[in-house]
Amino acid sequence: MKNWARKDSSIAWLFLAPSVVGFALFYLIPFGMGVFYSFMDRTVGGHYVGLDNYREVIAGESFRKAASNTFYFSVVSVPLLIVLSLGLALLLHRKLYFQKWLRTAYVLPLVVPVASIILVWQILFDWNGVLNAWLSGFGRTRVDWMKTEAARNVIMLMYVWKNIGYNVILFLAGLQQIPKDYYETAQIEGAGRIRQFRSITLVYLTSTMFFVVIMSVINSFKVFRETYLIAGAYPHDSIYMLQHYMNNMFLSLDLQKMTAASTLMVGGILIIVLGLFAMERRYRRYME
């Protein structure tokens, strides 16, 4: 058995080797170099300066604004995305006449290129776009959506629209794994829909919910691509994210601030993920 296990393990590592090498070469090693440079005063012939770069980054007004905007965006958009995607998954889990068409409609943003998505949203929310044309038709004043506080709502709406299909698929997969006998037994014992949802659906969706929340949080930190394409490198203050700050530091060749800011962002994401892991473990122990 030991020889068989060793042989099986060696075959597994042989198949994993290309992915491990690629991950180390393009992700792990560059990130390690970035963390190293964040403690130096310059990249070539630099000297160790400790936490000076981090202090300078945190003391900067632009970084604090970007961090607060990113935190606010994640705190508001992620719960909204979870609630809407779970509600749609529960709706699509039932037998509906347009069930297949609805599933296709929610999955469509996942397969459409980002450039095409941005083009559609620019047509909708431009000063001369479709939405302002409708407002003018009803006698309302035009709104410069991407240059006012409304830009934050537009980006949140785009984030939810783009990621809701992925979460719906995951929730549907989790719902289909719950045996129907549990619901039938609960109905016989007189449990209502709310009690069934709380005691059966949410309990057996714990693992799926945990994974969906983690992916939603990570995707909320990756909204820079859409924001950059629709609003440019210097958008409205309400949608100035951490990635905007790092992108501007890269353009100005201030690599020390860029690497320090990226390390802080990764640290923040890691703290959030570890906190979610701790909550998931406590919830499992409570349910047991």
C-alpha atoms as a PDB file:
ATOM      1  CA  MET A   1       0.000   0.000   0.000  1.00  0.00           C
ATOM      2  CA  LYS A   2       2.858   2.374   0.784  1.00  0.00           C
ATOM      3  CA  ASN A   3       4.441   1.754  -2.612  1.00  0.00           C
ATOM      4  CA  TRP A   4       1.078   2.272  -4.302  1.00  0.00           C
ATOM      5  CA  ALA A   5       0.476   5.513  -2.389  1.00  0.00           C
ATOM      6  CA  ARG A   6       3.899   6.808  -3.284  1.00  0.00           C
ATOM      7  CA  LYS A   7       3.396   5.946  -6.926  1.00  0.00           C
ATOM      8  CA  ASP A   8      -0.022   7.570  -6.995  1.00  0.00           C
ATOM      9  CA  SER A   9       1.344  10.672  -5.281  1.00  0.00           C
ATOM     10  CA  SER A  10       4.223  10.951  -7.732  1.00  0.00           C
ATOM     11  CA  ILE A  11       1.823  10.732 -10.679  1.00  0.00           C
ATOM     12  CA  ALA A  12      -0.384  13.426  -9.127  1.00  0.00           C
ATOM     13  CA  TRP A  13       2.590  15.748  -8.625  1.00  0.00           C
ATOM     14  CA  LEU A  14       3.681  15.077 -12.195  1.00  0.00           C
ATOM     15  CA  PHE A  15       0.343  16.351 -13.497  1.00  0.00           C
ATOM     16  CA  LEU A  16       0.370  19.284 -11.065  1.00  0.00           C
ATOM     17  CA  ALA A  17       3.926  20.324 -11.888  1.00  0.00           C
ATOM     18  CA  PRO A  18       3.101  22.574 -14.912  1.00  0.00           C
ATOM     19  CA  SER A  19       0.431  24.455 -12.946  1.00  0.00           C
ATOM     20  CA  VAL A  20       2.674  24.790  -9.883  1.00  0.00           C
ATOM     21  CA  VAL A  21       5.570  26.087 -11.988  1.00  0.00           C
ATOM     22  CA  GLY A  22       3.309  28.522 -13.828  1.00  0.00           C
ATOM     23  CA  PHE A  23       1.757  29.793 -10.583  1.00  0.00           C
ATOM     24  CA  ALA A  24       5.160  30.249  -8.972  1.00  0.00           C
ATOM     25  CA  LEU A  25       6.668  31.901 -12.050  1.00  0.00           C
ATOM     26  CA  PHE A  26       3.874  34.366 -12.827  1.00  0.00           C
ATOM     27  CA  TYR A  27       2.241  34.942  -9.418  1.00  0.00           C
ATOM     28  CA  LEU A  28       4.168  33.784  -6.358  1.00  0.00           C
ATOM     29  CA  ILE A  29       7.683  34.950  -7.278  1.00  0.00           C
ATOM     30  CA  PRO A  30       6.568  38.403  -8.610  1.00  0.00           C
ATOM     31  CA  PHE A  31       4.490  38.938  -5.468  1.00  0.00           C
ATOM     32  CA  GLY A  32       7.445  37.990  -3.266  1.00  0.00           C
ATOM     33  CA  MET A  33       9.644  40.420  -5.175  1.00  0.00           C
ATOM     34  CA  GLY A  34       6.993  43.124  -4.745  1.00  0.00           C
ATOM     35  CA  VAL A  35       6.928  42.581  -0.973  1.00  0.00           C
ATOM     36  CA  PHE A  36      10.736  42.758  -0.947  1.00  0.00           C
ATOM     37  CA  TYR A  37      10.789  46.034  -2.899  1.00  0.00           C
ATOM     38  CA  SER A  38       8.204  47.557  -0.562  1.00  0.00           C
ATOM     39  CA  PHE A  39      10.896  47.634   2.154  1.00  0.00           C
ATOM     40  CA  MET A  40      13.502  49.290  -0.110  1.00  0.00           C
ATOM     41  CA  ASP A  41      13.977  52.953  -1.055  1.00  0.00           C
ATOM     42  CA  ARG A  42      14.447  52.076  -4.748  1.00  0.00           C
ATOM     43  CA  THR A  43      14.435  48.966  -6.922  1.00  0.00           C
ATOM     44  CA  VAL A  44      18.019  49.124  -8.226  1.00  0.00           C
ATOM     45  CA  GLY A  45      20.791  49.474  -5.675  1.00  0.00           C
ATOM     46  CA  GLY A  46      18.269  50.282  -2.980  1.00  0.00           C
ATOM     47  CA  HIS A  47      18.657  50.238   0.786  1.00  0.00           C
ATOM     48  CA  TYR A  48      16.411  48.758   3.435  1.00  0.00           C
ATOM     49  CA  VAL A  49      14.123  51.430   4.898  1.00  0.00           C
ATOM     50  CA  GLY A  50      11.825  49.285   7.015  1.00  0.00           C
ATOM     51  CA  LEU A  51       8.218  50.417   7.183  1.00  0.00           C
ATOM     52  CA  ASP A  52       8.876  53.938   5.843  1.00  0.00           C
ATOM     53  CA  ASN A  53       7.106  53.219   2.540  1.00  0.00           C
ATOM     54  CA  TYR A  54       4.073  51.848   4.373  1.00  0.00           C
ATOM     55  CA  ARG A  55       3.909  54.875   6.669  1.00  0.00           C
ATOM     56  CA  GLU A  56       4.127  57.206   3.684  1.00  0.00           C
ATOM     57  CA  VAL A  57       1.402  55.319   1.828  1.00  0.00           C
ATOM     58  CA  ILE A  58      -0.974  55.233   4.800  1.00  0.00           C
ATOM     59  CA  ALA A  59      -0.382  58.904   5.525  1.00  0.00           C
ATOM     60  CA  GLY A  60      -1.332  59.847   1.953  1.00  0.00           C
ATOM     61  CA  GLU A  61      -4.820  61.222   1.434  1.00  0.00           C
ATOM     62  CA  SER A  62      -5.267  59.509  -1.924  1.00  0.00           C
ATOM     63  CA  PHE A  63      -4.548  56.068  -0.452  1.00  0.00           C
ATOM     64  CA  ARG A  64      -6.981  56.578   2.431  1.00  0.00           C
ATOM     65  CA  LYS A  65      -9.641  57.709   0.000  1.00  0.00           C
ATOM     66  CA  ALA A  66      -9.039  54.702  -2.252  1.00  0.00           C
ATOM     67  CA  ALA A  67      -9.069  52.292   0.716  1.00  0.00           C
ATOM     68  CA  SER A  68     -12.304  53.734   2.148  1.00  0.00           C
ATOM     69  CA  ASN A  69     -14.016  53.626  -1.262  1.00  0.00           C
ATOM     70  CA  THR A  70     -12.935  50.008  -1.816  1.00  0.00           C
ATOM     71  CA  PHE A  71     -14.080  48.999   1.678  1.00  0.00           C
ATOM     72  CA  TYR A  72     -17.441  50.750   1.243  1.00  0.00           C
ATOM     73  CA  PHE A  73     -17.937  49.156  -2.155  1.00  0.00           C
ATOM     74  CA  SER A  74     -17.281  45.650  -0.809  1.00  0.00           C
ATOM     75  CA  VAL A  75     -19.413  46.102   2.315  1.00  0.00           C
ATOM     76  CA  VAL A  76     -22.433  47.280   0.327  1.00  0.00           C
ATOM     77  CA  SER A  77     -22.182  45.370  -2.956  1.00  0.00           C
ATOM     78  CA  VAL A  78     -21.211  41.913  -1.660  1.00  0.00           C
ATOM     79  CA  PRO A  79     -24.243  41.432   0.675  1.00  0.00           C
ATOM     80  CA  LEU A  80     -26.502  42.839  -2.049  1.00  0.00           C
ATOM     81  CA  LEU A  81     -25.054  40.374  -4.564  1.00  0.00           C
ATOM     82  CA  ILE A  82     -25.445  37.432  -2.156  1.00  0.00           C
ATOM     83  CA  VAL A  83     -29.078  38.223  -1.342  1.00  0.00           C
ATOM     84  CA  LEU A  84     -30.099  38.764  -4.974  1.00  0.00           C
ATOM     85  CA  SER A  85     -28.266  35.709  -6.286  1.00  0.00           C
ATOM     86  CA  LEU A  86     -29.709  33.451  -3.569  1.00  0.00           C
ATOM     87  CA  GLY A  87     -33.209  34.776  -4.217  1.00  0.00           C
ATOM     88  CA  LEU A  88     -32.884  34.185  -7.959  1.00  0.00           C
ATOM     89  CA  ALA A  89     -31.462  30.714  -7.370  1.00  0.00           C
ATOM     90  CA  LEU A  90     -34.447  29.829  -5.173  1.00  0.00           C
ATOM     91  CA  LEU A  91     -36.760  31.142  -7.894  1.00  0.00           C
ATOM     92  CA  LEU A  92     -35.007  29.255 -10.691  1.00  0.00           C
ATOM     93  CA  HIS A  93     -34.909  26.092  -8.579  1.00  0.00           C
ATOM     94  CA  ARG A  94     -38.660  25.847  -8.992  1.00  0.00           C
ATOM     95  CA  LYS A  95     -40.269  24.702 -12.222  1.00  0.00           C
ATOM     96  CA  LEU A  96     -41.008  27.827 -14.241  1.00  0.00           C
ATOM     97  CA  TYR A  97     -42.164  28.177 -17.818  1.00  0.00           C
ATOM     98  CA  PHE A  98     -39.237  30.451 -18.783  1.00  0.00           C
ATOM     99  CA  GLN A  99     -36.714  28.675 -16.562  1.00  0.00           C
ATOM    100  CA  LYS A 100     -34.180  27.849 -19.305  1.00  0.00           C
ATOM    101  CA  TRP A 101     -34.382  31.348 -20.798  1.00  0.00           C
ATOM    102  CA  LEU A 102     -33.884  32.959 -17.399  1.00  0.00           C
ATOM    103  CA  ARG A 103     -30.852  30.806 -16.667  1.00  0.00           C
ATOM    104  CA  THR A 104     -29.337  31.767 -20.012  1.00  0.00           C
ATOM    105  CA  ALA A 105     -30.005  35.456 -19.345  1.00  0.00           C
ATOM    106  CA  TYR A 106     -28.216  35.414 -15.982  1.00  0.00           C
ATOM    107  CA  VAL A 107     -25.241  33.424 -17.277  1.00  0.00           C
ATOM    108  CA  LEU A 108     -24.821  35.607 -20.384  1.00  0.00           C
ATOM    109  CA  PRO A 109     -22.613  38.282 -18.663  1.00  0.00           C
ATOM    110  CA  LEU A 110     -20.048  35.570 -17.889  1.00  0.00           C
ATOM    111  CA  VAL A 111     -19.388  34.812 -21.554  1.00  0.00           C
ATOM    112  CA  VAL A 112     -19.619  38.343 -22.962  1.00  0.00           C
ATOM    113  CA  PRO A 113     -16.204  40.095 -23.327  1.00  0.00           C
ATOM    114  CA  VAL A 114     -15.534  42.913 -20.886  1.00  0.00           C
ATOM    115  CA  ALA A 115     -15.069  45.441 -23.692  1.00  0.00           C
ATOM    116  CA  SER A 116     -18.560  44.673 -25.011  1.00  0.00           C
ATOM    117  CA  ILE A 117     -20.024  44.998 -21.513  1.00  0.00           C
ATOM    118  CA  ILE A 118     -18.369  48.378 -21.009  1.00  0.00           C
ATOM    119  CA  LEU A 119     -19.653  49.570 -24.384  1.00  0.00           C
ATOM    120  CA  VAL A 120     -23.215  48.699 -23.380  1.00  0.00           C
ATOM    121  CA  TRP A 121     -22.905  50.482 -20.037  1.00  0.00           C
ATOM    122  CA  GLN A 122     -21.373  53.548 -21.662  1.00  0.00           C
ATOM    123  CA  ILE A 123     -24.319  53.690 -24.060  1.00  0.00           C
ATOM    124  CA  LEU A 124     -26.698  53.503 -21.103  1.00  0.00           C
ATOM    125  CA  PHE A 125     -25.055  55.978 -18.703  1.00  0.00           C
ATOM    126  CA  ASP A 126     -23.312  58.464 -20.989  1.00  0.00           C
ATOM    127  CA  TRP A 127     -24.378  62.126 -20.919  1.00  0.00           C
ATOM    128  CA  ASN A 128     -26.034  61.517 -24.290  1.00  0.00           C
ATOM    129  CA  GLY A 129     -26.893  57.937 -23.452  1.00  0.00           C
ATOM    130  CA  VAL A 130     -30.134  56.005 -23.428  1.00  0.00           C
ATOM    131  CA  LEU A 131     -31.008  56.646 -19.782  1.00  0.00           C
ATOM    132  CA  ASN A 132     -30.605  60.416 -20.092  1.00  0.00           C
ATOM    133  CA  ALA A 133     -32.665  60.322 -23.285  1.00  0.00           C
ATOM    134  CA  TRP A 134     -35.474  58.641 -21.351  1.00  0.00           C
ATOM    135  CA  LEU A 135     -35.178  61.189 -18.541  1.00  0.00           C
ATOM    136  CA  SER A 136     -35.379  64.034 -21.048  1.00  0.00           C
ATOM    137  CA  GLY A 137     -38.427  62.419 -22.610  1.00  0.00           C
ATOM    138  CA  PHE A 138     -40.199  62.491 -19.229  1.00  0.00           C
ATOM    139  CA  GLY A 139     -39.191  66.099 -18.600  1.00  0.00           C
ATOM    140  CA  ARG A 140     -36.410  65.319 -16.106  1.00  0.00           C
ATOM    141  CA  THR A 141     -32.965  66.898 -16.128  1.00  0.00           C
ATOM    142  CA  ARG A 142     -30.009  64.914 -17.459  1.00  0.00           C
ATOM    143  CA  VAL A 143     -27.567  63.368 -14.992  1.00  0.00           C
ATOM    144  CA  ASP A 144     -23.838  63.087 -15.600  1.00  0.00           C
ATOM    145  CA  TRP A 145     -23.760  59.629 -14.066  1.00  0.00           C
ATOM    146  CA  MET A 146     -20.027  58.965 -14.122  1.00  0.00           C
ATOM    147  CA  LYS A 147     -18.973  62.401 -12.831  1.00  0.00           C
ATOM    148  CA  THR A 148     -21.241  62.610  -9.778  1.00  0.00           C
ATOM    149  CA  GLU A 149     -21.890  60.530  -6.655  1.00  0.00           C
ATOM    150  CA  ALA A 150     -24.172  58.385  -8.823  1.00  0.00           C
ATOM    151  CA  ALA A 151     -21.036  56.800 -10.343  1.00  0.00           C
ATOM    152  CA  ARG A 152     -20.712  54.598  -7.259  1.00  0.00           C
ATOM    153  CA  ASN A 153     -24.215  53.228  -7.768  1.00  0.00           C
ATOM    154  CA  VAL A 154     -23.498  52.582 -11.448  1.00  0.00           C
ATOM    155  CA  ILE A 155     -20.360  50.577 -10.637  1.00  0.00           C
ATOM    156  CA  MET A 156     -22.201  48.603  -7.945  1.00  0.00           C
ATOM    157  CA  LEU A 157     -25.009  47.824 -10.356  1.00  0.00           C
ATOM    158  CA  MET A 158     -22.529  46.697 -12.999  1.00  0.00           C
ATOM    159  CA  TYR A 159     -20.677  44.521 -10.470  1.00  0.00           C
ATOM    160  CA  VAL A 160     -23.900  42.827  -9.369  1.00  0.00           C
ATOM    161  CA  TRP A 161     -25.088  42.351 -12.954  1.00  0.00           C
ATOM    162  CA  LYS A 162     -21.784  40.825 -14.068  1.00  0.00           C
ATOM    163  CA  ASN A 163     -21.291  38.435 -11.124  1.00  0.00           C
ATOM    164  CA  ILE A 164     -24.830  37.401 -10.258  1.00  0.00           C
ATOM    165  CA  GLY A 165     -24.936  34.634 -12.870  1.00  0.00           C
ATOM    166  CA  TYR A 166     -21.872  32.884 -11.445  1.00  0.00           C
ATOM    167  CA  ASN A 167     -23.319  32.942  -7.928  1.00  0.00           C
ATOM    168  CA  VAL A 168     -26.712  31.735  -9.151  1.00  0.00           C
ATOM    169  CA  ILE A 169     -25.057  28.693 -10.758  1.00  0.00           C
ATOM    170  CA  LEU A 170     -23.269  27.846  -7.507  1.00  0.00           C
ATOM    171  CA  PHE A 171     -26.402  28.264  -5.412  1.00  0.00           C
ATOM    172  CA  LEU A 172     -28.439  26.164  -7.841  1.00  0.00           C
ATOM    173  CA  ALA A 173     -25.850  23.392  -7.588  1.00  0.00           C
ATOM    174  CA  GLY A 174     -26.087  23.543  -3.802  1.00  0.00           C
ATOM    175  CA  LEU A 175     -29.892  23.564  -3.797  1.00  0.00           C
ATOM    176  CA  GLN A 176     -30.039  20.518  -6.043  1.00  0.00           C
ATOM    177  CA  GLN A 177     -27.964  18.551  -3.504  1.00  0.00           C
ATOM    178  CA  ILE A 178     -30.555  19.012  -0.733  1.00  0.00           C
ATOM    179  CA  PRO A 179     -32.840  15.962  -0.530  1.00  0.00           C
ATOM    180  CA  LYS A 180     -36.526  16.770  -1.070  1.00  0.00           C
ATOM    181  CA  ASP A 181     -37.438  14.338   1.716  1.00  0.00           C
ATOM    182  CA  TYR A 182     -36.261  16.897   4.274  1.00  0.00           C
ATOM    183  CA  TYR A 183     -38.774  19.479   3.028  1.00  0.00           C
ATOM    184  CA  GLU A 184     -41.576  16.909   2.901  1.00  0.00           C
ATOM    185  CA  THR A 185     -40.845  15.829   6.478  1.00  0.00           C
ATOM    186  CA  ALA A 186     -40.783  19.462   7.607  1.00  0.00           C
ATOM    187  CA  GLN A 187     -44.169  20.107   5.952  1.00  0.00           C
ATOM    188  CA  ILE A 188     -45.670  17.090   7.685  1.00  0.00           C
ATOM    189  CA  GLU A 189     -44.393  18.401  11.031  1.00  0.00           C
ATOM    190  CA  GLY A 190     -45.997  21.779  10.330  1.00  0.00           C
ATOM    191  CA  ALA A 191     -42.920  23.866   9.531  1.00  0.00           C
ATOM    192  CA  GLY A 192     -43.606  26.914   7.376  1.00  0.00           C
ATOM    193  CA  ARG A 193     -41.594  28.195   4.448  1.00  0.00           C
ATOM    194  CA  ILE A 194     -39.515  30.545   6.581  1.00  0.00           C
ATOM    195  CA  ARG A 195     -38.679  27.785   9.065  1.00  0.00           C
ATOM    196  CA  GLN A 196     -37.777  25.413   6.205  1.00  0.00           C
ATOM    197  CA  PHE A 197     -35.560  28.063   4.640  1.00  0.00           C
ATOM    198  CA  ARG A 198     -33.781  28.785   7.918  1.00  0.00           C
ATOM    199  CA  SER A 199     -33.465  25.240   9.241  1.00  0.00           C
ATOM    200  CA  ILE A 200     -32.927  23.285   6.010  1.00  0.00           C
ATOM    201  CA  THR A 201     -31.913  25.463   3.078  1.00  0.00           C
ATOM    202  CA  LEU A 202     -29.430  27.716   4.841  1.00  0.00           C
ATOM    203  CA  VAL A 203     -27.963  24.852   6.864  1.00  0.00           C
ATOM    204  CA  TYR A 204     -27.223  22.673   3.842  1.00  0.00           C
ATOM    205  CA  LEU A 205     -26.018  25.662   1.822  1.00  0.00           C
ATOM    206  CA  THR A 206     -23.334  26.525   4.383  1.00  0.00           C
ATOM    207  CA  SER A 207     -20.401  25.295   2.291  1.00  0.00           C
ATOM    208  CA  THR A 208     -21.776  26.838  -0.902  1.00  0.00           C
ATOM    209  CA  MET A 209     -22.537  30.118   0.862  1.00  0.00           C
ATOM    210  CA  PHE A 210     -19.023  30.230   2.281  1.00  0.00           C
ATOM    211  CA  PHE A 211     -17.436  29.739  -1.138  1.00  0.00           C
ATOM    212  CA  VAL A 212     -19.770  32.269  -2.793  1.00  0.00           C
ATOM    213  CA  VAL A 213     -18.993  34.918  -0.174  1.00  0.00           C
ATOM    214  CA  ILE A 214     -15.238  34.459  -0.582  1.00  0.00           C
ATOM    215  CA  MET A 215     -15.428  34.661  -4.373  1.00  0.00           C
ATOM    216  CA  SER A 216     -17.717  37.706  -4.191  1.00  0.00           C
ATOM    217  CA  VAL A 217     -15.316  39.516  -1.864  1.00  0.00           C
ATOM    218  CA  ILE A 218     -12.356  38.744  -4.122  1.00  0.00           C
ATOM    219  CA  ASN A 219     -14.287  39.847  -7.217  1.00  0.00           C
ATOM    220  CA  SER A 220     -15.255  43.092  -5.474  1.00  0.00           C
ATOM    221  CA  PHE A 221     -11.543  43.928  -5.260  1.00  0.00           C
ATOM    222  CA  LYS A 222     -11.201  43.219  -9.003  1.00  0.00           C
ATOM    223  CA  VAL A 223     -13.758  45.759 -10.185  1.00  0.00           C
ATOM    224  CA  PHE A 224     -10.949  48.099 -11.290  1.00  0.00           C
ATOM    225  CA  ARG A 225     -10.937  46.774 -14.851  1.00  0.00           C
ATOM    226  CA  GLU A 226     -14.534  47.748 -15.501  1.00  0.00           C
ATOM    227  CA  THR A 227     -14.192  51.030 -13.616  1.00  0.00           C
ATOM    228  CA  TYR A 228     -11.039  51.958 -15.518  1.00  0.00           C
ATOM    229  CA  LEU A 229     -12.594  51.242 -18.906  1.00  0.00           C
ATOM    230  CA  ILE A 230     -15.805  53.116 -18.206  1.00  0.00           C
ATOM    231  CA  ALA A 231     -14.423  56.075 -16.196  1.00  0.00           C
ATOM    232  CA  GLY A 232     -10.706  56.316 -17.021  1.00  0.00           C
ATOM    233  CA  ALA A 233      -7.583  56.472 -14.837  1.00  0.00           C
ATOM    234  CA  TYR A 234      -8.863  59.445 -12.800  1.00  0.00           C
ATOM    235  CA  PRO A 235     -12.560  58.779 -12.144  1.00  0.00           C
ATOM    236  CA  HIS A 236     -14.906  60.512  -9.731  1.00  0.00           C
ATOM    237  CA  ASP A 237     -13.740  60.489  -6.128  1.00  0.00           C
ATOM    238  CA  SER A 238     -16.515  58.087  -5.109  1.00  0.00           C
ATOM    239  CA  ILE A 239     -15.169  55.286  -7.358  1.00  0.00           C
ATOM    240  CA  TYR A 240     -11.436  55.926  -6.890  1.00  0.00           C
ATOM    241  CA  MET A 241     -10.328  52.415  -5.826  1.00  0.00           C
ATOM    242  CA  LEU A 242      -7.096  50.920  -4.528  1.00  0.00           C
ATOM    243  CA  GLN A 243      -6.258  49.625  -7.985  1.00  0.00           C
ATOM    244  CA  HIS A 244      -6.524  53.187  -9.327  1.00  0.00           C
ATOM    245  CA  TYR A 245      -4.002  54.280  -6.715  1.00  0.00           C
ATOM    246  CA  MET A 246      -1.584  51.466  -7.600  1.00  0.00           C
ATOM    247  CA  ASN A 247      -2.029  52.071 -11.325  1.00  0.00           C
ATOM    248  CA  ASN A 248      -1.199  55.768 -10.889  1.00  0.00           C
ATOM    249  CA  MET A 249       1.845  54.909  -8.772  1.00  0.00           C
ATOM    250  CA  PHE A 250       3.019  52.569 -11.535  1.00  0.00           C
ATOM    251  CA  LEU A 251       2.580  55.258 -14.197  1.00  0.00           C
ATOM    252  CA  SER A 252       4.632  57.676 -12.089  1.00  0.00           C
ATOM    253  CA  LEU A 253       7.256  54.906 -11.547  1.00  0.00           C
ATOM    254  CA  ASP A 254       6.822  55.111  -7.758  1.00  0.00           C
ATOM    255  CA  LEU A 255       7.208  51.355  -7.398  1.00  0.00           C
ATOM    256  CA  GLN A 256       7.824  51.459  -3.654  1.00  0.00           C
ATOM    257  CA  LYS A 257       4.416  52.978  -2.934  1.00  0.00           C
ATOM    258  CA  MET A 258       2.784  50.678  -5.458  1.00  0.00           C
ATOM    259  CA  THR A 259       4.232  47.520  -3.917  1.00  0.00           C
ATOM    260  CA  ALA A 260       3.471  48.721  -0.391  1.00  0.00           C
ATOM    261  CA  ALA A 261      -0.152  49.460  -1.334  1.00  0.00           C
ATOM    262  CA  SER A 262      -0.532  46.088  -3.073  1.00  0.00           C
ATOM    263  CA  THR A 263       0.889  44.289  -0.023  1.00  0.00           C
ATOM    264  CA  LEU A 264      -1.564  46.110   2.236  1.00  0.00           C
ATOM    265  CA  MET A 265      -4.466  45.187  -0.047  1.00  0.00           C
ATOM    266  CA  VAL A 266      -3.460  41.517  -0.125  1.00  0.00           C
ATOM    267  CA  GLY A 267      -3.115  41.602   3.656  1.00  0.00           C
ATOM    268  CA  GLY A 268      -6.609  43.073   3.960  1.00  0.00           C
ATOM    269  CA  ILE A 269      -8.071  40.387   1.697  1.00  0.00           C
ATOM    270  CA  LEU A 270      -6.235  37.701   3.679  1.00  0.00           C
ATOM    271  CA  ILE A 271      -7.636  39.006   6.968  1.00  0.00           C
ATOM    272  CA  ILE A 272     -11.163  38.991   5.554  1.00  0.00           C
ATOM    273  CA  VAL A 273     -10.799  35.445   4.201  1.00  0.00           C
ATOM    274  CA  LEU A 274      -9.341  34.144   7.470  1.00  0.00           C
ATOM    275  CA  GLY A 275     -12.192  35.810   9.344  1.00  0.00           C
ATOM    276  CA  LEU A 276     -14.691  34.077   7.076  1.00  0.00           C
ATOM    277  CA  PHE A 277     -12.961  30.743   7.678  1.00  0.00           C
ATOM    278  CA  ALA A 278     -13.234  31.281  11.441  1.00  0.00           C
ATOM    279  CA  MET A 279     -16.920  32.178  11.165  1.00  0.00           C
ATOM    280  CA  GLU A 280     -17.583  29.113   9.024  1.00  0.00           C
ATOM    281  CA  ARG A 281     -15.884  26.822  11.557  1.00  0.00           C
ATOM    282  CA  ARG A 282     -17.859  28.305  14.452  1.00  0.00           C
ATOM    283  CA  TYR A 283     -21.098  27.965  12.538  1.00  0.00           C
ATOM    284  CA  ARG A 284     -20.374  24.302  11.780  1.00  0.00           C
ATOM    285  CA  ARG A 285     -19.641  23.602  15.431  1.00  0.00           C
ATOM    286  CA  TYR A 286     -22.861  25.377  16.431  1.00  0.00           C
ATOM    287  CA  MET A 287     -24.906  23.306  13.961  1.00  0.00           C
ATOM    288  CA  GLU A 288     -23.299  20.077  15.183  1.00  0.00           C
END
